[in-house]
PDB file of N, CA and C in Angstrom:
ATOM      1  N   MET A   1     -17.150  32.773 -45.337  1.00  0.00           N
ATOM      2  CA  MET A   1     -17.204  32.119 -44.051  1.00  0.00           C
ATOM      3  C   MET A   1     -16.085  32.689 -43.162  1.00  0.00           C
ATOM      4  N   VAL A   2     -16.456  33.093 -41.961  1.00  0.00           N
ATOM      5  CA  VAL A   2     -15.507  33.702 -41.032  1.00  0.00           C
ATOM      6  C   VAL A   2     -15.276  32.734 -39.875  1.00  0.00           C
ATOM      7  N   ILE A   3     -14.016  32.508 -39.559  1.00  0.00           N
ATOM      8  CA  ILE A   3     -13.666  31.636 -38.438  1.00  0.00           C
ATOM      9  C   ILE A   3     -13.411  32.513 -37.223  1.00  0.00           C
ATOM     10  N   ASN A   4     -14.153  32.254 -36.185  1.00  0.00           N
ATOM     11  CA  ASN A   4     -14.007  33.019 -34.949  1.00  0.00           C
ATOM     12  C   ASN A   4     -12.938  32.355 -34.083  1.00  0.00           C
ATOM     13  N   MET A   5     -11.809  33.047 -33.910  1.00  0.00           N
ATOM     14  CA  MET A   5     -10.683  32.469 -33.187  1.00  0.00           C
ATOM     15  C   MET A   5     -10.976  32.296 -31.691  1.00  0.00           C
ATOM     16  N   THR A   6     -11.851  33.128 -31.125  1.00  0.00           N
ATOM     17  CA  THR A   6     -12.152  32.975 -29.703  1.00  0.00           C
ATOM     18  C   THR A   6     -12.896  31.671 -29.451  1.00  0.00           C
ATOM     19  N   GLU A   7     -13.753  31.278 -30.398  1.00  0.00           N
ATOM     20  CA  GLU A   7     -14.453  30.004 -30.239  1.00  0.00           C
ATOM     21  C   GLU A   7     -13.468  28.845 -30.301  1.00  0.00           C
ATOM     22  N   ILE A   8     -12.506  28.931 -31.189  1.00  0.00           N
ATOM     23  CA  ILE A   8     -11.505  27.868 -31.299  1.00  0.00           C
ATOM     24  C   ILE A   8     -10.678  27.795 -30.018  1.00  0.00           C
ATOM     25  N   ASN A   9     -10.254  28.942 -29.510  1.00  0.00           N
ATOM     26  CA  ASN A   9      -9.470  28.964 -28.271  1.00  0.00           C
ATOM     27  C   ASN A   9     -10.281  28.428 -27.098  1.00  0.00           C
ATOM     28  N   ASN A  10     -11.566  28.781 -27.030  1.00  0.00           N
ATOM     29  CA  ASN A  10     -12.417  28.282 -25.954  1.00  0.00           C
ATOM     30  C   ASN A  10     -12.562  26.770 -26.043  1.00  0.00           C
ATOM     31  N   ASN A  11     -12.714  26.239 -27.255  1.00  0.00           N
ATOM     32  CA  ASN A  11     -12.826  24.796 -27.417  1.00  0.00           C
ATOM     33  C   ASN A  11     -11.523  24.107 -27.016  1.00  0.00           C
ATOM     34  N   ASP A  12     -10.381  24.707 -27.359  1.00  0.00           N
ATOM     35  CA  ASP A  12      -9.092  24.140 -26.966  1.00  0.00           C
ATOM     36  C   ASP A  12      -8.931  24.153 -25.449  1.00  0.00           C
ATOM     37  N   ASN A  13      -9.364  25.229 -24.810  1.00  0.00           N
ATOM     38  CA  ASN A  13      -9.269  25.317 -23.353  1.00  0.00           C
ATOM     39  C   ASN A  13     -10.140  24.262 -22.691  1.00  0.00           C
ATOM     40  N   LYS A  14     -11.348  24.068 -23.214  1.00  0.00           N
ATOM     41  CA  LYS A  14     -12.241  23.060 -22.647  1.00  0.00           C
ATOM     42  C   LYS A  14     -11.651  21.671 -22.830  1.00  0.00           C
ATOM     43  N   THR A  15     -11.044  21.432 -23.985  1.00  0.00           N
ATOM     44  CA  THR A  15     -10.436  20.129 -24.230  1.00  0.00           C
ATOM     45  C   THR A  15      -9.273  19.900 -23.275  1.00  0.00           C
ATOM     46  N   SER A  16      -8.434  20.894 -23.107  1.00  0.00           N
ATOM     47  CA  SER A  16      -7.300  20.715 -22.201  1.00  0.00           C
ATOM     48  C   SER A  16      -7.769  20.571 -20.754  1.00  0.00           C
ATOM     49  N   GLU A  17      -8.838  21.270 -20.367  1.00  0.00           N
ATOM     50  CA  GLU A  17      -9.382  21.111 -19.023  1.00  0.00           C
ATOM     51  C   GLU A  17      -9.920  19.702 -18.837  1.00  0.00           C
ATOM     52  N   LEU A  18     -10.599  19.178 -19.862  1.00  0.00           N
ATOM     53  CA  LEU A  18     -11.110  17.812 -19.773  1.00  0.00           C
ATOM     54  C   LEU A  18      -9.971  16.803 -19.691  1.00  0.00           C
ATOM     55  N   GLU A  19      -8.895  17.055 -20.416  1.00  0.00           N
ATOM     56  CA  GLU A  19      -7.738  16.167 -20.334  1.00  0.00           C
ATOM     57  C   GLU A  19      -7.111  16.217 -18.945  1.00  0.00           C
ATOM     58  N   GLN A  20      -7.035  17.406 -18.356  1.00  0.00           N
ATOM     59  CA  GLN A  20      -6.476  17.538 -17.011  1.00  0.00           C
ATOM     60  C   GLN A  20      -7.350  16.824 -15.989  1.00  0.00           C
ATOM     61  N   VAL A  21      -8.669  16.979 -16.120  1.00  0.00           N
ATOM     62  CA  VAL A  21      -9.587  16.290 -15.214  1.00  0.00           C
ATOM     63  C   VAL A  21      -9.426  14.780 -15.374  1.00  0.00           C
ATOM     64  N   SER A  22      -9.309  14.335 -16.616  1.00  0.00           N
ATOM     65  CA  SER A  22      -9.137  12.908 -16.872  1.00  0.00           C
ATOM     66  C   SER A  22      -7.855  12.372 -16.244  1.00  0.00           C
ATOM     67  N   LEU A  23      -6.759  13.110 -16.383  1.00  0.00           N
ATOM     68  CA  LEU A  23      -5.495  12.665 -15.798  1.00  0.00           C
ATOM     69  C   LEU A  23      -5.556  12.646 -14.274  1.00  0.00           C
ATOM     70  N   LYS A  24      -6.194  13.672 -13.686  1.00  0.00           N
ATOM     71  CA  LYS A  24      -6.316  13.705 -12.230  1.00  0.00           C
ATOM     72  C   LYS A  24      -7.209  12.576 -11.723  1.00  0.00           C
ATOM     73  N   LEU A  25      -8.269  12.281 -12.474  1.00  0.00           N
ATOM     74  CA  LEU A  25      -9.151  11.179 -12.077  1.00  0.00           C
ATOM     75  C   LEU A  25      -8.426   9.844 -12.181  1.00  0.00           C
ATOM     76  N   LYS A  26      -7.612   9.683 -13.215  1.00  0.00           N
ATOM     77  CA  LYS A  26      -6.846   8.449 -13.377  1.00  0.00           C
ATOM     78  C   LYS A  26      -5.869   8.269 -12.212  1.00  0.00           C
ATOM     79  N   LYS A  27      -5.199   9.360 -11.826  1.00  0.00           N
ATOM     80  CA  LYS A  27      -4.272   9.300 -10.698  1.00  0.00           C
ATOM     81  C   LYS A  27      -5.022   8.972  -9.406  1.00  0.00           C
ATOM     82  N   LEU A  28      -6.184   9.599  -9.218  1.00  0.00           N
ATOM     83  CA  LEU A  28      -6.981   9.338  -8.025  1.00  0.00           C
ATOM     84  C   LEU A  28      -7.451   7.889  -7.993  1.00  0.00           C
ATOM     85  N   PHE A  29      -7.848   7.351  -9.142  1.00  0.00           N
ATOM     86  CA  PHE A  29      -8.297   5.962  -9.228  1.00  0.00           C
ATOM     87  C   PHE A  29      -7.176   5.009  -8.798  1.00  0.00           C
ATOM     88  N   TRP A  30      -5.971   5.213  -9.343  1.00  0.00           N
ATOM     89  CA  TRP A  30      -4.857   4.327  -9.005  1.00  0.00           C
ATOM     90  C   TRP A  30      -4.440   4.498  -7.544  1.00  0.00           C
ATOM     91  N   THR A  31      -4.571   5.707  -7.025  1.00  0.00           N
ATOM     92  CA  THR A  31      -4.254   5.929  -5.618  1.00  0.00           C
ATOM     93  C   THR A  31      -5.195   5.127  -4.731  1.00  0.00           C
ATOM     94  N   TRP A  32      -6.482   5.163  -5.048  1.00  0.00           N
ATOM     95  CA  TRP A  32      -7.458   4.390  -4.286  1.00  0.00           C
ATOM     96  C   TRP A  32      -7.268   2.892  -4.500  1.00  0.00           C
ATOM     97  N   LEU A  33      -6.958   2.498  -5.731  1.00  0.00           N
ATOM     98  CA  LEU A  33      -6.808   1.074  -6.040  1.00  0.00           C
ATOM     99  C   LEU A  33      -5.638   0.458  -5.273  1.00  0.00           C
ATOM    100  N   VAL A  34      -4.586   1.204  -5.090  1.00  0.00           N
ATOM    101  CA  VAL A  34      -3.431   0.704  -4.340  1.00  0.00           C
ATOM    102  C   VAL A  34      -3.596   0.971  -2.847  1.00  0.00           C
ATOM    103  N   GLY A  35      -4.079   2.149  -2.500  1.00  0.00           N
ATOM    104  CA  GLY A  35      -4.134   2.548  -1.101  1.00  0.00           C
ATOM    105  C   GLY A  35      -5.148   1.810  -0.258  1.00  0.00           C
ATOM    106  N   LEU A  36      -6.311   1.538  -0.804  1.00  0.00           N
ATOM    107  CA  LEU A  36      -7.369   0.904  -0.013  1.00  0.00           C
ATOM    108  C   LEU A  36      -7.029  -0.525   0.398  1.00  0.00           C
ATOM    109  N   PRO A  37      -6.545  -1.380  -0.510  1.00  0.00           N
ATOM    110  CA  PRO A  37      -6.154  -2.730  -0.045  1.00  0.00           C
ATOM    111  C   PRO A  37      -5.017  -2.696   0.992  1.00  0.00           C
ATOM    112  N   VAL A  38      -4.051  -1.805   0.794  1.00  0.00           N
ATOM    113  CA  VAL A  38      -2.958  -1.694   1.767  1.00  0.00           C
ATOM    114  C   VAL A  38      -3.511  -1.229   3.112  1.00  0.00           C
ATOM    115  N   LEU A  39      -4.440  -0.284   3.073  1.00  0.00           N
ATOM    116  CA  LEU A  39      -5.072   0.198   4.295  1.00  0.00           C
ATOM    117  C   LEU A  39      -5.796  -0.937   5.012  1.00  0.00           C
ATOM    118  N   ILE A  40      -6.554  -1.719   4.282  1.00  0.00           N
ATOM    119  CA  ILE A  40      -7.308  -2.833   4.875  1.00  0.00           C
ATOM    120  C   ILE A  40      -6.356  -3.872   5.459  1.00  0.00           C
ATOM    121  N   LEU A  41      -5.310  -4.225   4.711  1.00  0.00           N
ATOM    122  CA  LEU A  41      -4.347  -5.207   5.217  1.00  0.00           C
ATOM    123  C   LEU A  41      -3.644  -4.712   6.479  1.00  0.00           C
ATOM    124  N   CYS A  42      -3.306  -3.425   6.511  1.00  0.00           N
ATOM    125  CA  CYS A  42      -2.646  -2.868   7.694  1.00  0.00           C
ATOM    126  C   CYS A  42      -3.552  -2.911   8.912  1.00  0.00           C
ATOM    127  N   VAL A  43      -4.818  -2.631   8.712  1.00  0.00           N
ATOM    128  CA  VAL A  43      -5.758  -2.624   9.844  1.00  0.00           C
ATOM    129  C   VAL A  43      -6.036  -4.046  10.318  1.00  0.00           C
ATOM    130  N   VAL A  44      -6.214  -4.979   9.388  1.00  0.00           N
ATOM    131  CA  VAL A  44      -6.593  -6.339   9.768  1.00  0.00           C
ATOM    132  C   VAL A  44      -5.421  -7.105  10.373  1.00  0.00           C
ATOM    133  N   TYR A  45      -4.254  -7.020   9.746  1.00  0.00           N
ATOM    134  CA  TYR A  45      -3.127  -7.849  10.165  1.00  0.00           C
ATOM    135  C   TYR A  45      -1.999  -7.071  10.838  1.00  0.00           C
ATOM    136  N   GLY A  46      -2.201  -5.813  11.120  1.00  0.00           N
ATOM    137  CA  GLY A  46      -1.080  -4.990  11.539  1.00  0.00           C
ATOM    138  C   GLY A  46      -0.880  -4.872  13.028  1.00  0.00           C
ATOM    139  N   ASP A  47       0.340  -4.520  13.373  1.00  0.00           N
ATOM    140  CA  ASP A  47       0.650  -4.140  14.738  1.00  0.00           C
ATOM    141  C   ASP A  47       0.560  -2.613  14.829  1.00  0.00           C
ATOM    142  N   THR A  48       1.117  -2.031  15.837  1.00  0.00           N
ATOM    143  CA  THR A  48       0.983  -0.593  16.062  1.00  0.00           C
ATOM    144  C   THR A  48       1.583   0.230  14.924  1.00  0.00           C
ATOM    145  N   ALA A  49       2.751  -0.161  14.445  1.00  0.00           N
ATOM    146  CA  ALA A  49       3.400   0.596  13.370  1.00  0.00           C
ATOM    147  C   ALA A  49       2.565   0.562  12.096  1.00  0.00           C
ATOM    148  N   GLN A  50       1.977  -0.576  11.806  1.00  0.00           N
ATOM    149  CA  GLN A  50       1.157  -0.670  10.603  1.00  0.00           C
ATOM    150  C   GLN A  50      -0.163   0.073  10.763  1.00  0.00           C
ATOM    151  N   LEU A  51      -0.659   0.179  11.983  1.00  0.00           N
ATOM    152  CA  LEU A  51      -1.864   0.990  12.199  1.00  0.00           C
ATOM    153  C   LEU A  51      -1.561   2.470  11.990  1.00  0.00           C
ATOM    154  N   VAL A  52      -0.357   2.893  12.372  1.00  0.00           N
ATOM    155  CA  VAL A  52       0.055   4.277  12.101  1.00  0.00           C
ATOM    156  C   VAL A  52       0.151   4.487  10.599  1.00  0.00           C
ATOM    157  N   LEU A  53       0.722   3.516   9.880  1.00  0.00           N
ATOM    158  CA  LEU A  53       0.786   3.591   8.423  1.00  0.00           C
ATOM    159  C   LEU A  53      -0.621   3.672   7.832  1.00  0.00           C
ATOM    160  N   ALA A  54      -1.557   2.889   8.366  1.00  0.00           N
ATOM    161  CA  ALA A  54      -2.940   2.930   7.897  1.00  0.00           C
ATOM    162  C   ALA A  54      -3.538   4.323   8.104  1.00  0.00           C
ATOM    163  N   GLY A  55      -3.200   4.967   9.207  1.00  0.00           N
ATOM    164  CA  GLY A  55      -3.679   6.328   9.461  1.00  0.00           C
ATOM    165  C   GLY A  55      -3.143   7.306   8.434  1.00  0.00           C
ATOM    166  N   PHE A  56      -1.850   7.188   8.112  1.00  0.00           N
ATOM    167  CA  PHE A  56      -1.272   8.053   7.092  1.00  0.00           C
ATOM    168  C   PHE A  56      -1.915   7.810   5.723  1.00  0.00           C
ATOM    169  N   ILE A  57      -2.174   6.563   5.389  1.00  0.00           N
ATOM    170  CA  ILE A  57      -2.812   6.239   4.108  1.00  0.00           C
ATOM    171  C   ILE A  57      -4.213   6.844   4.061  1.00  0.00           C
ATOM    172  N   ALA A  58      -4.958   6.728   5.151  1.00  0.00           N
ATOM    173  CA  ALA A  58      -6.315   7.274   5.188  1.00  0.00           C
ATOM    174  C   ALA A  58      -6.303   8.794   5.012  1.00  0.00           C
ATOM    175  N   VAL A  59      -5.376   9.452   5.672  1.00  0.00           N
ATOM    176  CA  VAL A  59      -5.273  10.912   5.551  1.00  0.00           C
ATOM    177  C   VAL A  59      -4.885  11.294   4.122  1.00  0.00           C
ATOM    178  N   TYR A  60      -3.936  10.554   3.534  1.00  0.00           N
ATOM    179  CA  TYR A  60      -3.509  10.831   2.162  1.00  0.00           C
ATOM    180  C   TYR A  60      -4.664  10.651   1.182  1.00  0.00           C
ATOM    181  N   LEU A  61      -5.424   9.570   1.315  1.00  0.00           N
ATOM    182  CA  LEU A  61      -6.574   9.347   0.436  1.00  0.00           C
ATOM    183  C   LEU A  61      -7.609  10.456   0.596  1.00  0.00           C
ATOM    184  N   PHE A  62      -7.829  10.890   1.833  1.00  0.00           N
ATOM    185  CA  PHE A  62      -8.783  11.967   2.081  1.00  0.00           C
ATOM    186  C   PHE A  62      -8.375  13.247   1.359  1.00  0.00           C
ATOM    187  N   PHE A  63      -7.103  13.646   1.517  1.00  0.00           N
ATOM    188  CA  PHE A  63      -6.660  14.897   0.914  1.00  0.00           C
ATOM    189  C   PHE A  63      -6.572  14.805  -0.609  1.00  0.00           C
ATOM    190  N   MET A  64      -6.202  13.659  -1.146  1.00  0.00           N
ATOM    191  CA  MET A  64      -6.181  13.489  -2.603  1.00  0.00           C
ATOM    192  C   MET A  64      -7.587  13.625  -3.180  1.00  0.00           C
ATOM    193  N   THR A  65      -8.549  12.985  -2.540  1.00  0.00           N
ATOM    194  CA  THR A  65      -9.937  13.054  -3.004  1.00  0.00           C
ATOM    195  C   THR A  65     -10.480  14.470  -2.862  1.00  0.00           C
ATOM    196  N   LYS A  66     -10.190  15.108  -1.744  1.00  0.00           N
ATOM    197  CA  LYS A  66     -10.644  16.488  -1.528  1.00  0.00           C
ATOM    198  C   LYS A  66     -10.048  17.424  -2.570  1.00  0.00           C
ATOM    199  N   SER A  67      -8.779  17.260  -2.877  1.00  0.00           N
ATOM    200  CA  SER A  67      -8.109  18.085  -3.884  1.00  0.00           C
ATOM    201  C   SER A  67      -8.756  17.903  -5.254  1.00  0.00           C
ATOM    202  N   TYR A  68      -9.039  16.658  -5.617  1.00  0.00           N
ATOM    203  CA  TYR A  68      -9.673  16.387  -6.908  1.00  0.00           C
ATOM    204  C   TYR A  68     -11.064  17.013  -6.971  1.00  0.00           C
ATOM    205  N   LEU A  69     -11.851  16.852  -5.926  1.00  0.00           N
ATOM    206  CA  LEU A  69     -13.204  17.397  -5.932  1.00  0.00           C
ATOM    207  C   LEU A  69     -13.189  18.928  -5.975  1.00  0.00           C
ATOM    208  N   ASN A  70     -12.250  19.553  -5.278  1.00  0.00           N
ATOM    209  CA  ASN A  70     -12.113  21.018  -5.349  1.00  0.00           C
ATOM    210  C   ASN A  70     -11.730  21.465  -6.741  1.00  0.00           C
ATOM    211  N   TYR A  71     -10.828  20.723  -7.376  1.00  0.00           N
ATOM    212  CA  TYR A  71     -10.397  21.072  -8.740  1.00  0.00           C
ATOM    213  C   TYR A  71     -11.560  20.958  -9.715  1.00  0.00           C
ATOM    214  N   VAL A  72     -12.317  19.880  -9.619  1.00  0.00           N
ATOM    215  CA  VAL A  72     -13.439  19.679 -10.538  1.00  0.00           C
ATOM    216  C   VAL A  72     -14.519  20.722 -10.317  1.00  0.00           C
ATOM    217  N   SER A  73     -14.780  21.086  -9.074  1.00  0.00           N
ATOM    218  CA  SER A  73     -15.825  22.079  -8.808  1.00  0.00           C
ATOM    219  C   SER A  73     -15.401  23.477  -9.221  1.00  0.00           C
ATOM    220  N   SER A  74     -14.104  23.727  -9.328  1.00  0.00           N
ATOM    221  CA  SER A  74     -13.648  25.069  -9.707  1.00  0.00           C
ATOM    222  C   SER A  74     -13.653  25.301 -11.211  1.00  0.00           C
ATOM    223  N   ILE A  75     -13.805  24.244 -11.990  1.00  0.00           N
ATOM    224  CA  ILE A  75     -13.805  24.387 -13.446  1.00  0.00           C
ATOM    225  C   ILE A  75     -15.138  24.968 -13.911  1.00  0.00           C
ATOM    226  N   ASP A  76     -15.049  25.943 -14.809  1.00  0.00           N
ATOM    227  CA  ASP A  76     -16.275  26.516 -15.363  1.00  0.00           C
ATOM    228  C   ASP A  76     -16.904  25.522 -16.317  1.00  0.00           C
ATOM    229  N   SER A  77     -18.209  25.362 -16.211  1.00  0.00           N
ATOM    230  CA  SER A  77     -18.902  24.397 -17.080  1.00  0.00           C
ATOM    231  C   SER A  77     -19.112  24.953 -18.467  1.00  0.00           C
TER     232      SER A  77
END
């Protein structure tokens, strides 16, 4: 029986890529979980300064999500 080391390395790479995707998704989930309620509260109850904060939160959520989607689409299946 011959063990092909390239297959083992490929499996390790896929596992580490899946772990990276999982960690990025977890970070994105917590970002949305914290950011969205703060965004809603700022818009509903806020004055001008809090509306500016809501704008920054919206932009941050947009770029975080875009970054995650670009990362996931760049991974070879």
